[in-house]
Protein backbone atom coordinates (compact mmCIF):
# COMPACT_ATOMS: atom_id res chain seq x y z
CA MET A 1 -69.94 -49.60 1.20
CA ALA A 2 -67.06 -49.02 -0.81
CA GLN A 3 -69.22 -47.17 -3.07
CA ALA A 4 -70.39 -44.96 -0.42
CA LYS A 5 -66.91 -43.73 0.78
CA LYS A 6 -66.04 -43.20 -2.67
CA SER A 7 -69.06 -40.77 -3.44
CA THR A 8 -68.36 -38.84 -0.56
CA ALA A 9 -65.03 -38.44 -1.05
CA ALA A 10 -65.80 -36.99 -4.37
CA LYS A 11 -68.30 -34.88 -3.00
CA LYS A 12 -65.53 -33.20 -0.87
CA LYS A 13 -63.37 -32.94 -3.50
CA THR A 14 -66.06 -31.03 -5.61
CA THR A 15 -66.55 -28.63 -2.68
CA ASN A 16 -62.81 -28.12 -2.10
CA SER A 17 -62.47 -27.57 -5.84
CA ARG A 18 -65.03 -24.82 -5.64
CA GLY A 19 -63.68 -22.58 -3.00
CA ASN A 20 -66.65 -22.14 -1.37
CA SER A 21 -66.85 -19.72 1.69
CA ARG A 22 -67.46 -22.06 4.51
CA GLY A 23 -63.91 -21.65 6.23
CA ASN A 24 -62.03 -23.28 3.17
CA THR A 25 -58.62 -22.92 3.38
CA ARG A 26 -57.43 -23.56 -0.23
CA SER A 27 -57.51 -20.81 -2.45
CA ASN A 28 -57.14 -21.53 -5.59
CA SER A 29 -59.17 -24.19 -7.68
CA ARG A 30 -56.80 -26.51 -8.35
CA GLY A 31 -56.56 -27.77 -4.55
CA LYS A 32 -53.17 -26.65 -3.88
CA SER A 33 -52.66 -24.88 -0.47
CA SER A 34 -51.92 -21.32 -0.20
CA VAL A 35 -48.66 -21.88 2.01
CA LYS A 36 -46.08 -19.92 0.45
CA LYS A 37 -42.96 -22.07 -0.25
CA THR A 38 -39.79 -20.72 1.06
CA ALA A 39 -36.72 -20.28 -1.44
CA PRO A 40 -33.95 -23.01 -0.63
CA LYS A 41 -31.53 -21.42 1.71
CA GLN A 42 -28.39 -20.37 -0.28
CA GLN A 43 -25.07 -21.52 0.95
CA GLU A 44 -22.11 -19.40 1.82
CA PRO A 45 -19.30 -19.65 -0.59
CA VAL A 46 -16.81 -22.14 0.51
CA GLU A 47 -13.39 -20.70 0.52
CA VAL A 48 -10.53 -22.47 -1.22
CA GLY A 49 -6.85 -22.15 -0.19
CA PHE A 50 -3.51 -22.70 -1.28
CA GLY A 51 -3.87 -26.05 1.32
CA ASP A 52 -6.78 -27.06 -0.89
CA TYR A 53 -4.80 -27.05 -4.76
CA TRP A 54 -1.45 -28.20 -2.81
CA HIS A 55 -3.84 -31.62 -1.69
CA ALA A 56 -5.39 -32.10 -4.85
CA PHE A 57 -1.74 -31.67 -6.39
CA THR A 58 -0.09 -33.97 -4.49
CA LYS A 59 -2.95 -36.77 -5.55
CA THR A 60 -1.96 -36.46 -9.26
CA ARG A 61 0.63 -38.49 -11.42
CA VAL A 62 2.96 -35.48 -12.20
CA PHE A 63 3.42 -34.85 -8.45
CA VAL A 64 6.79 -36.80 -8.06
CA PRO A 65 8.53 -35.63 -11.07
CA VAL A 66 7.57 -32.00 -10.62
CA MET A 67 8.82 -32.20 -6.80
CA VAL A 68 12.13 -33.82 -8.24
CA ILE A 69 13.03 -31.21 -10.18
CA VAL A 70 12.13 -28.71 -7.76
CA VAL A 71 14.30 -30.15 -5.28
CA THR A 72 16.80 -30.64 -7.44
CA ALA A 73 17.20 -27.32 -8.98
CA PHE A 74 17.07 -25.83 -5.41
CA LEU A 75 19.70 -28.10 -4.09
CA VAL A 76 21.97 -27.06 -6.89
CA GLY A 77 21.10 -23.39 -6.49
CA LEU A 78 21.90 -23.73 -2.82
CA ASP A 79 25.49 -25.20 -3.63
CA LEU A 80 26.08 -22.52 -6.33
CA LEU A 81 25.26 -20.14 -3.52
CA ILE A 82 27.69 -21.49 -0.92
CA ALA A 83 30.13 -22.29 -3.26
CA TRP A 84 30.93 -18.63 -4.12
CA ASN A 85 31.55 -19.54 -8.17
CA ASP A 86 34.11 -21.70 -7.06
CA TYR A 87 33.17 -24.79 -8.83
CA HIS A 88 35.87 -27.16 -7.06
CA ARG A 89 33.68 -26.40 -3.83
CA PHE A 90 30.67 -26.66 -5.92
CA PHE A 91 31.13 -30.19 -7.03
CA LEU A 92 32.68 -31.25 -3.45
CA PHE A 93 29.15 -30.17 -2.06
CA LEU A 94 27.17 -31.92 -5.20
CA GLY A 95 29.21 -34.77 -4.92
CA VAL A 96 28.76 -35.30 -1.37
CA GLU A 97 24.56 -34.79 -1.58
CA LEU A 98 24.85 -37.46 -4.28
CA ILE A 99 26.94 -40.08 -1.94
CA VAL A 100 24.09 -39.12 0.91
CA ALA A 101 21.32 -39.61 -1.51
CA ALA A 102 22.63 -42.97 -2.59
CA VAL A 103 23.29 -44.32 0.85
CA VAL A 104 19.47 -43.31 1.87
CA TRP A 105 18.24 -44.86 -0.79
CA LEU A 106 19.83 -48.07 -0.46
CA PHE A 107 18.75 -48.03 3.33
CA ARG A 108 15.42 -47.46 2.15
CA MET A 109 15.90 -50.39 -0.43
CA ILE A 110 17.18 -52.67 2.30
CA TYR A 111 14.42 -51.95 4.74
CA SER A 112 11.61 -52.12 2.36
CA ILE A 113 12.63 -55.92 1.59
CA GLY A 114 12.16 -57.06 4.95
CA SER A 115 8.73 -55.32 4.89
CA ASP A 116 7.26 -56.50 1.95
CA LYS A 117 3.39 -56.41 2.32
CA SER A 118 2.59 -58.34 -0.51
CA GLY A 119 3.54 -61.67 0.69
CA ASP A 120 1.54 -61.26 3.94
CA ASP A 121 -1.90 -62.07 1.72
CA ARG A 122 -0.55 -65.19 0.17
CA ASP A 123 -2.05 -68.28 1.92
CA GLU A 124 0.24 -71.06 2.59
CA ALA A 125 -1.42 -74.40 1.48
């Protein structure tokens, strides 16, 4: 019985591969369909803006040092602009900014001691 099915399948294969004119939908001799394959759709180019570059830059190791340099240069330039070349006033502004930065840093350090997240993961056994 299995041989009978095999032989009929072989017959069908040979008749289809010959390309007979009895309503055969296959046109070539290899048994491939004549359906035309469409080319894959081309995707529209994605626009990359400044925000994408900025986001990628913030994820790098060089971000913090570069931003420290940029902010420091901006503040020194702003102090010089406000001081109008009066060096006594420039150093007064610079001193006030340094004191404010030190106080903010000190408060952040004190606050971070109270909210230490590394101690929460330890099991007390």
